[in-house]
Amino acid sequence: MVDVTERLTACFATVFPKLEASRITAASVQDVPEWDSVAQVNLLSLIGEEFGMEIDFDEFEDATSFRAIAERLRQKIHA
């Protein structure tokens, strides 16, 4: 089984290097000042590479937290 949380955590750590590891799984746009539109594109691109899938940016447009992105990934993986 794909460990979405572990692999997604690594993606977040790469895009947001100042974010403490203990805060990654609770991260959201509201509490990560560096999470802007450019960071969102970078994050989604990296996630696509990590998981070997095409990411539809519109599909993830409202996925503005670690948990929301993880849930969308799980849905795509199990679809």
N, C-alpha and C. Protein backbone atom coordinates (compact mmCIF):
# COMPACT_ATOMS: atom_id res chain seq x y z
N MET A 1 0.85 -1.19 0.00
CA MET A 1 0.00 0.00 0.00
C MET A 1 0.89 1.25 0.00
N VAL A 2 0.45 2.24 -0.71
CA VAL A 2 1.18 3.50 -0.80
C VAL A 2 1.03 4.26 0.51
N ASP A 3 2.16 4.68 1.08
CA ASP A 3 2.11 5.47 2.31
C ASP A 3 1.99 6.93 1.93
N VAL A 4 0.76 7.38 1.75
CA VAL A 4 0.50 8.74 1.29
C VAL A 4 1.05 9.76 2.29
N THR A 5 0.80 9.54 3.56
CA THR A 5 1.22 10.52 4.57
C THR A 5 2.73 10.72 4.57
N GLU A 6 3.47 9.65 4.56
CA GLU A 6 4.93 9.75 4.61
C GLU A 6 5.48 10.45 3.36
N ARG A 7 5.01 10.05 2.20
CA ARG A 7 5.51 10.64 0.95
C ARG A 7 5.05 12.08 0.79
N LEU A 8 3.83 12.38 1.20
CA LEU A 8 3.33 13.75 1.12
C LEU A 8 4.08 14.65 2.10
N THR A 9 4.40 14.12 3.27
CA THR A 9 5.19 14.88 4.25
C THR A 9 6.52 15.29 3.65
N ALA A 10 7.16 14.39 2.92
CA ALA A 10 8.43 14.71 2.28
C ALA A 10 8.26 15.81 1.24
N CYS A 11 7.17 15.80 0.51
CA CYS A 11 6.90 16.86 -0.47
C CYS A 11 6.73 18.21 0.22
N PHE A 12 5.97 18.23 1.30
CA PHE A 12 5.77 19.46 2.05
C PHE A 12 7.09 19.97 2.61
N ALA A 13 7.92 19.07 3.13
CA ALA A 13 9.21 19.47 3.70
C ALA A 13 10.11 20.09 2.63
N THR A 14 10.01 19.62 1.41
CA THR A 14 10.81 20.17 0.32
C THR A 14 10.33 21.56 -0.06
N VAL A 15 9.03 21.74 -0.19
CA VAL A 15 8.47 23.02 -0.62
C VAL A 15 8.49 24.05 0.50
N PHE A 16 8.30 23.59 1.73
CA PHE A 16 8.26 24.49 2.89
C PHE A 16 9.37 24.11 3.88
N PRO A 17 10.62 24.38 3.56
CA PRO A 17 11.73 23.93 4.41
C PRO A 17 11.76 24.57 5.80
N LYS A 18 11.11 25.70 5.98
CA LYS A 18 11.08 26.35 7.30
C LYS A 18 9.99 25.78 8.20
N LEU A 19 9.10 25.00 7.64
CA LEU A 19 8.00 24.43 8.41
C LEU A 19 8.51 23.28 9.27
N GLU A 20 8.26 23.37 10.57
CA GLU A 20 8.70 22.33 11.49
C GLU A 20 8.05 20.99 11.12
N ALA A 21 8.82 19.93 11.17
CA ALA A 21 8.32 18.61 10.80
C ALA A 21 7.06 18.23 11.59
N SER A 22 7.02 18.62 12.85
CA SER A 22 5.87 18.28 13.70
C SER A 22 4.59 19.02 13.30
N ARG A 23 4.72 20.05 12.47
CA ARG A 23 3.55 20.84 12.06
C ARG A 23 3.06 20.51 10.66
N ILE A 24 3.80 19.69 9.94
CA ILE A 24 3.47 19.45 8.53
C ILE A 24 2.08 18.85 8.35
N THR A 25 1.73 17.83 9.08
CA THR A 25 0.45 17.17 8.86
C THR A 25 -0.75 18.04 9.25
N ALA A 26 -0.51 19.10 9.99
CA ALA A 26 -1.58 20.04 10.35
C ALA A 26 -1.52 21.32 9.52
N ALA A 27 -0.61 21.36 8.56
CA ALA A 27 -0.39 22.59 7.78
C ALA A 27 -1.58 22.94 6.91
N SER A 28 -1.81 24.25 6.78
CA SER A 28 -2.84 24.76 5.89
C SER A 28 -2.41 26.14 5.39
N VAL A 29 -3.10 26.59 4.38
CA VAL A 29 -2.80 27.91 3.81
C VAL A 29 -2.89 28.99 4.89
N GLN A 30 -3.81 28.85 5.81
CA GLN A 30 -4.03 29.85 6.84
C GLN A 30 -2.85 30.02 7.79
N ASP A 31 -2.10 28.94 8.03
CA ASP A 31 -1.04 29.07 9.02
C ASP A 31 0.38 28.84 8.48
N VAL A 32 0.53 28.80 7.17
CA VAL A 32 1.87 28.73 6.56
C VAL A 32 2.01 29.94 5.64
N PRO A 33 2.64 31.01 6.13
CA PRO A 33 2.72 32.25 5.36
C PRO A 33 3.34 32.09 3.97
N GLU A 34 4.24 31.13 3.82
CA GLU A 34 4.90 30.92 2.52
C GLU A 34 4.01 30.22 1.50
N TRP A 35 2.86 29.72 1.95
CA TRP A 35 1.97 28.96 1.07
C TRP A 35 1.12 29.93 0.25
N ASP A 36 1.69 30.34 -0.87
CA ASP A 36 0.97 31.22 -1.80
C ASP A 36 0.69 30.44 -3.08
N SER A 37 0.24 31.12 -4.13
CA SER A 37 -0.13 30.44 -5.36
C SER A 37 1.08 29.77 -6.02
N VAL A 38 2.24 30.39 -5.94
CA VAL A 38 3.45 29.79 -6.51
C VAL A 38 3.82 28.54 -5.73
N ALA A 39 3.76 28.60 -4.42
CA ALA A 39 4.06 27.43 -3.59
C ALA A 39 3.06 26.30 -3.87
N GLN A 40 1.80 26.65 -4.11
CA GLN A 40 0.78 25.64 -4.41
C GLN A 40 1.13 24.90 -5.71
N VAL A 41 1.53 25.66 -6.73
CA VAL A 41 1.91 25.05 -8.01
C VAL A 41 3.13 24.16 -7.81
N ASN A 42 4.14 24.67 -7.10
CA ASN A 42 5.34 23.88 -6.84
C ASN A 42 5.02 22.60 -6.07
N LEU A 43 4.17 22.74 -5.07
CA LEU A 43 3.79 21.59 -4.25
C LEU A 43 3.06 20.54 -5.09
N LEU A 44 2.10 20.97 -5.86
CA LEU A 44 1.34 20.02 -6.66
C LEU A 44 2.20 19.38 -7.74
N SER A 45 3.11 20.14 -8.31
CA SER A 45 4.03 19.57 -9.31
C SER A 45 4.91 18.50 -8.68
N LEU A 46 5.43 18.79 -7.50
CA LEU A 46 6.27 17.84 -6.79
C LEU A 46 5.48 16.59 -6.40
N ILE A 47 4.26 16.78 -5.97
CA ILE A 47 3.39 15.64 -5.61
C ILE A 47 3.16 14.76 -6.84
N GLY A 48 2.91 15.39 -7.98
CA GLY A 48 2.72 14.63 -9.21
C GLY A 48 3.93 13.78 -9.53
N GLU A 49 5.12 14.37 -9.38
CA GLU A 49 6.35 13.63 -9.62
C GLU A 49 6.52 12.49 -8.61
N GLU A 50 6.30 12.79 -7.35
CA GLU A 50 6.48 11.80 -6.28
C GLU A 50 5.55 10.60 -6.46
N PHE A 51 4.31 10.86 -6.85
CA PHE A 51 3.33 9.79 -6.95
C PHE A 51 3.18 9.26 -8.37
N GLY A 52 3.94 9.83 -9.31
CA GLY A 52 3.90 9.35 -10.69
C GLY A 52 2.55 9.48 -11.34
N MET A 53 1.92 10.64 -11.14
CA MET A 53 0.59 10.85 -11.72
C MET A 53 0.45 12.29 -12.22
N GLU A 54 -0.45 12.45 -13.16
CA GLU A 54 -0.78 13.78 -13.62
C GLU A 54 -1.69 14.42 -12.58
N ILE A 55 -1.35 15.62 -12.19
CA ILE A 55 -2.17 16.35 -11.22
C ILE A 55 -2.98 17.39 -11.98
N ASP A 56 -4.28 17.31 -11.83
CA ASP A 56 -5.18 18.31 -12.40
C ASP A 56 -5.26 19.44 -11.37
N PHE A 57 -4.64 20.56 -11.70
CA PHE A 57 -4.56 21.67 -10.75
C PHE A 57 -5.95 22.15 -10.33
N ASP A 58 -6.92 22.10 -11.24
CA ASP A 58 -8.28 22.51 -10.89
C ASP A 58 -8.89 21.58 -9.85
N GLU A 59 -8.57 20.31 -9.95
CA GLU A 59 -9.09 19.32 -9.01
C GLU A 59 -8.58 19.56 -7.59
N PHE A 60 -7.40 20.15 -7.48
CA PHE A 60 -6.79 20.41 -6.17
C PHE A 60 -6.89 21.88 -5.76
N GLU A 61 -7.64 22.67 -6.52
CA GLU A 61 -7.72 24.12 -6.28
C GLU A 61 -8.14 24.46 -4.84
N ASP A 62 -9.11 23.75 -4.33
CA ASP A 62 -9.60 24.06 -2.98
C ASP A 62 -8.95 23.16 -1.91
N ALA A 63 -7.96 22.39 -2.30
CA ALA A 63 -7.23 21.55 -1.35
C ALA A 63 -6.12 22.40 -0.75
N THR A 64 -6.45 23.09 0.32
CA THR A 64 -5.54 24.08 0.89
C THR A 64 -5.02 23.68 2.28
N SER A 65 -4.93 22.38 2.49
CA SER A 65 -4.33 21.87 3.73
C SER A 65 -3.70 20.51 3.43
N PHE A 66 -2.80 20.11 4.29
CA PHE A 66 -2.17 18.80 4.15
C PHE A 66 -3.24 17.73 4.11
N ARG A 67 -4.18 17.80 5.03
CA ARG A 67 -5.23 16.77 5.13
C ARG A 67 -6.08 16.70 3.87
N ALA A 68 -6.45 17.87 3.33
CA ALA A 68 -7.28 17.89 2.11
C ALA A 68 -6.53 17.31 0.92
N ILE A 69 -5.26 17.66 0.81
CA ILE A 69 -4.45 17.13 -0.30
C ILE A 69 -4.28 15.62 -0.14
N ALA A 70 -4.01 15.17 1.07
CA ALA A 70 -3.85 13.73 1.32
C ALA A 70 -5.11 12.97 0.95
N GLU A 71 -6.26 13.51 1.31
CA GLU A 71 -7.53 12.86 1.00
C GLU A 71 -7.75 12.77 -0.51
N ARG A 72 -7.47 13.86 -1.23
CA ARG A 72 -7.60 13.82 -2.70
C ARG A 72 -6.66 12.80 -3.32
N LEU A 73 -5.44 12.73 -2.81
CA LEU A 73 -4.48 11.75 -3.32
C LEU A 73 -4.99 10.33 -3.10
N ARG A 74 -5.49 10.07 -1.91
CA ARG A 74 -6.01 8.73 -1.61
C ARG A 74 -7.16 8.38 -2.56
N GLN A 75 -8.02 9.35 -2.84
CA GLN A 75 -9.12 9.11 -3.77
C GLN A 75 -8.60 8.79 -5.17
N LYS A 76 -7.59 9.53 -5.63
CA LYS A 76 -7.03 9.29 -6.96
C LYS A 76 -6.32 7.94 -7.03
N ILE A 77 -5.60 7.58 -5.98
CA ILE A 77 -4.87 6.32 -5.95
C ILE A 77 -5.82 5.13 -5.98
N HIS A 78 -6.92 5.24 -5.27
CA HIS A 78 -7.86 4.14 -5.15
C HIS A 78 -8.98 4.17 -6.17
N ALA A 79 -8.91 5.13 -7.11
CA ALA A 79 -9.96 5.24 -8.13
C ALA A 79 -9.78 4.20 -9.21
